[in-house]
C-alpha cells in the first residue's frame, strides 16, 4: 500500500472540504473518515457507488448507495472565512500549541 504523507495531517475528520478534481469536482462535504495509510478520505455525498448486497440477519438486501474513499490530493479544505478552497499551514501560538490555519485568509482552523 501507499505511504502515509504529511498531507493526511492537514485534513482531519469533521473538516469541510471541496473536491478540486475528478468526476465530483466542485462538490462540498464533511470528512467522515481519514485513511492515512492509503492517503485517502471518505467525504459525505462524494464518490458515491452502488453496492448490491445480499440480505443478512441485521440488514435487508438490495442496492445500497455509499461513499467510497477518494485520494486526499483531490480534496482541499474550505476556507472558514471565504468559503473557497485553501491550502493548510501550521503555526505555533504563544502557548506553544500547534494549530492549522488557512493560507488564503490566515484564519485559524482549530
C-alpha atoms as a PDB file:
ATOM      1  CA  UNK A   1       0.000   0.000   0.000  1.00  0.00           C
ATOM      2  CA  UNK A   2       0.974   3.669  -0.263  1.00  0.00           C
ATOM      3  CA  UNK A   3       2.998   5.637   2.222  1.00  0.00           C
ATOM      4  CA  UNK A   4       1.328   7.993   4.653  1.00  0.00           C
ATOM      5  CA  UNK A   5       2.102  11.539   3.621  1.00  0.00           C
ATOM      6  CA  UNK A   6       2.207  14.693   5.665  1.00  0.00           C
ATOM      7  CA  UNK A   7      -0.865  15.777   3.680  1.00  0.00           C
ATOM      8  CA  UNK A   8      -3.044  13.436   5.737  1.00  0.00           C
ATOM      9  CA  UNK A   9      -2.369  15.525   8.856  1.00  0.00           C
ATOM     10  CA  UNK A  10      -3.710  18.633   7.161  1.00  0.00           C
ATOM     11  CA  UNK A  11      -7.205  17.221   6.648  1.00  0.00           C
ATOM     12  CA  UNK A  12      -8.996  15.663   9.603  1.00  0.00           C
ATOM     13  CA  UNK A  13     -12.320  14.015  10.388  1.00  0.00           C
ATOM     14  CA  UNK A  14     -15.085  16.598  10.586  1.00  0.00           C
ATOM     15  CA  UNK A  15     -13.429  19.131   8.243  1.00  0.00           C
ATOM     16  CA  UNK A  16     -15.444  20.687   5.423  1.00  0.00           C
ATOM     17  CA  UNK A  17     -13.714  20.052   2.104  1.00  0.00           C
ATOM     18  CA  UNK A  18     -14.291  20.688  -1.592  1.00  0.00           C
ATOM     19  CA  UNK A  19     -13.361  18.269  -4.386  1.00  0.00           C
ATOM     20  CA  UNK A  20     -10.887  20.017  -6.698  1.00  0.00           C
ATOM     21  CA  UNK A  21     -10.556  17.395  -9.430  1.00  0.00           C
ATOM     22  CA  UNK A  22     -12.259  14.275 -10.772  1.00  0.00           C
ATOM     23  CA  UNK A  23     -15.840  13.419 -11.618  1.00  0.00           C
ATOM     24  CA  UNK A  24     -17.184  15.034  -8.427  1.00  0.00           C
ATOM     25  CA  UNK A  25     -15.283  18.307  -8.928  1.00  0.00           C
ATOM     26  CA  UNK A  26     -16.931  21.212  -7.105  1.00  0.00           C
ATOM     27  CA  UNK A  27     -18.862  19.089  -4.610  1.00  0.00           C
ATOM     28  CA  UNK A  28     -18.551  20.009  -0.948  1.00  0.00           C
ATOM     29  CA  UNK A  29     -18.921  17.737   2.050  1.00  0.00           C
ATOM     30  CA  UNK A  30     -17.732  16.778   5.501  1.00  0.00           C
ATOM     31  CA  UNK A  31     -14.869  14.328   6.014  1.00  0.00           C
ATOM     32  CA  UNK A  32     -16.349  11.188   7.573  1.00  0.00           C
ATOM     33  CA  UNK A  33     -13.130   9.185   7.836  1.00  0.00           C
ATOM     34  CA  UNK A  34      -9.422   9.595   7.127  1.00  0.00           C
ATOM     35  CA  UNK A  35      -7.342   6.623   5.966  1.00  0.00           C
ATOM     36  CA  UNK A  36      -3.754   7.869   6.443  1.00  0.00           C
ATOM     37  CA  UNK A  37      -2.014   4.639   5.390  1.00  0.00           C
ATOM     38  CA  UNK A  38      -3.739   4.733   1.994  1.00  0.00           C
ATOM     39  CA  UNK A  39      -3.672   8.544   1.757  1.00  0.00           C
ATOM     40  CA  UNK A  40      -7.437   8.667   1.243  1.00  0.00           C
ATOM     41  CA  UNK A  41     -10.509  10.277   2.813  1.00  0.00           C
ATOM     42  CA  UNK A  42     -14.215   9.448   2.815  1.00  0.00           C
ATOM     43  CA  UNK A  43     -16.311  12.565   2.149  1.00  0.00           C
ATOM     44  CA  UNK A  44     -20.062  12.724   2.742  1.00  0.00           C
ATOM     45  CA  UNK A  45     -22.001  12.629  -0.543  1.00  0.00           C
ATOM     46  CA  UNK A  46     -18.868  12.384  -2.720  1.00  0.00           C
ATOM     47  CA  UNK A  47     -17.678   9.422  -4.842  1.00  0.00           C
ATOM     48  CA  UNK A  48     -20.930   7.513  -4.391  1.00  0.00           C
ATOM     49  CA  UNK A  49     -21.163   3.928  -5.661  1.00  0.00           C
ATOM     50  CA  UNK A  50     -23.958   1.361  -5.732  1.00  0.00           C
ATOM     51  CA  UNK A  51     -23.344  -1.944  -3.986  1.00  0.00           C
ATOM     52  CA  UNK A  52     -25.614  -4.933  -4.467  1.00  0.00           C
ATOM     53  CA  UNK A  53     -25.955  -6.542  -1.042  1.00  0.00           C
ATOM     54  CA  UNK A  54     -27.357  -9.893  -0.051  1.00  0.00           C
ATOM     55  CA  UNK A  55     -29.869  -9.898   2.804  1.00  0.00           C
ATOM     56  CA  UNK A  56     -28.465 -10.835   6.199  1.00  0.00           C
ATOM     57  CA  UNK A  57     -29.855 -11.193   9.712  1.00  0.00           C
ATOM     58  CA  UNK A  58     -29.499  -7.494  10.529  1.00  0.00           C
ATOM     59  CA  UNK A  59     -29.785  -5.886   7.090  1.00  0.00           C
ATOM     60  CA  UNK A  60     -32.197  -6.137   4.181  1.00  0.00           C
ATOM     61  CA  UNK A  61     -30.787  -6.902   0.754  1.00  0.00           C
ATOM     62  CA  UNK A  62     -30.924  -4.642  -2.278  1.00  0.00           C
ATOM     63  CA  UNK A  63     -28.911  -1.873  -3.872  1.00  0.00           C
ATOM     64  CA  UNK A  64     -27.119   0.281  -1.305  1.00  0.00           C
ATOM     65  CA  UNK A  65     -25.531   3.588  -2.261  1.00  0.00           C
ATOM     66  CA  UNK A  66     -22.477   4.537  -0.199  1.00  0.00           C
ATOM     67  CA  UNK A  67     -19.365   6.706  -0.228  1.00  0.00           C
ATOM     68  CA  UNK A  68     -16.012   5.191  -1.091  1.00  0.00           C
ATOM     69  CA  UNK A  69     -12.601   6.750  -0.339  1.00  0.00           C
ATOM     70  CA  UNK A  70     -11.158   9.454  -2.573  1.00  0.00           C
ATOM     71  CA  UNK A  71      -7.468  10.372  -2.737  1.00  0.00           C
ATOM     72  CA  UNK A  72      -6.524  13.132  -0.319  1.00  0.00           C
ATOM     73  CA  UNK A  73      -4.820  15.137  -3.077  1.00  0.00           C
ATOM     74  CA  UNK A  74      -8.189  15.516  -4.836  1.00  0.00           C
ATOM     75  CA  UNK A  75      -9.756  17.467  -1.972  1.00  0.00           C
ATOM     76  CA  UNK A  76      -8.973  20.842  -0.461  1.00  0.00           C
ATOM     77  CA  UNK A  77     -10.058  22.382   2.813  1.00  0.00           C
ATOM     78  CA  UNK A  78     -12.758  25.056   2.624  1.00  0.00           C
ATOM     79  CA  UNK A  79     -11.600  28.433   3.939  1.00  0.00           C
ATOM     80  CA  UNK A  80     -13.700  29.295   7.020  1.00  0.00           C
ATOM     81  CA  UNK A  81     -13.540  32.978   6.040  1.00  0.00           C
ATOM     82  CA  UNK A  82     -14.338  32.974   2.305  1.00  0.00           C
ATOM     83  CA  UNK A  83     -15.828  29.561   1.582  1.00  0.00           C
ATOM     84  CA  UNK A  84     -13.400  28.718  -1.234  1.00  0.00           C
ATOM     85  CA  UNK A  85     -10.604  26.147  -1.419  1.00  0.00           C
ATOM     86  CA  UNK A  86      -7.473  26.899   0.561  1.00  0.00           C
ATOM     87  CA  UNK A  87      -4.169  25.309   1.426  1.00  0.00           C
ATOM     88  CA  UNK A  88      -3.376  24.492   5.040  1.00  0.00           C
ATOM     89  CA  UNK A  89      -0.413  25.696   7.060  1.00  0.00           C
ATOM     90  CA  UNK A  90       0.777  25.116  10.591  1.00  0.00           C
ATOM     91  CA  UNK A  91       1.932  27.657  13.155  1.00  0.00           C
ATOM     92  CA  UNK A  92       2.688  27.750  16.843  1.00  0.00           C
ATOM     93  CA  UNK A  93       0.801  30.049  19.192  1.00  0.00           C
ATOM     94  CA  UNK A  94       2.299  31.869  22.194  1.00  0.00           C
ATOM     95  CA  UNK A  95       1.256  28.996  24.487  1.00  0.00           C
ATOM     96  CA  UNK A  96       3.236  26.518  22.293  1.00  0.00           C
ATOM     97  CA  UNK A  97       0.138  24.946  20.718  1.00  0.00           C
ATOM     98  CA  UNK A  98       0.456  23.850  17.088  1.00  0.00           C
ATOM     99  CA  UNK A  99      -2.612  24.899  15.093  1.00  0.00           C
ATOM    100  CA  UNK A 100      -3.737  24.698  11.482  1.00  0.00           C
ATOM    101  CA  UNK A 101      -4.562  27.857   9.568  1.00  0.00           C
ATOM    102  CA  UNK A 102      -5.979  28.654   6.149  1.00  0.00           C
ATOM    103  CA  UNK A 103      -3.244  30.111   3.922  1.00  0.00           C
ATOM    104  CA  UNK A 104      -5.769  32.045   1.824  1.00  0.00           C
ATOM    105  CA  UNK A 105      -7.185  34.169   4.651  1.00  0.00           C
ATOM    106  CA  UNK A 106      -4.864  33.476   7.581  1.00  0.00           C
ATOM    107  CA  UNK A 107      -7.891  32.314   9.599  1.00  0.00           C
ATOM    108  CA  UNK A 108      -7.243  29.655  12.275  1.00  0.00           C
ATOM    109  CA  UNK A 109      -8.975  26.324  11.669  1.00  0.00           C
ATOM    110  CA  UNK A 110      -8.593  24.739  15.108  1.00  0.00           C
END
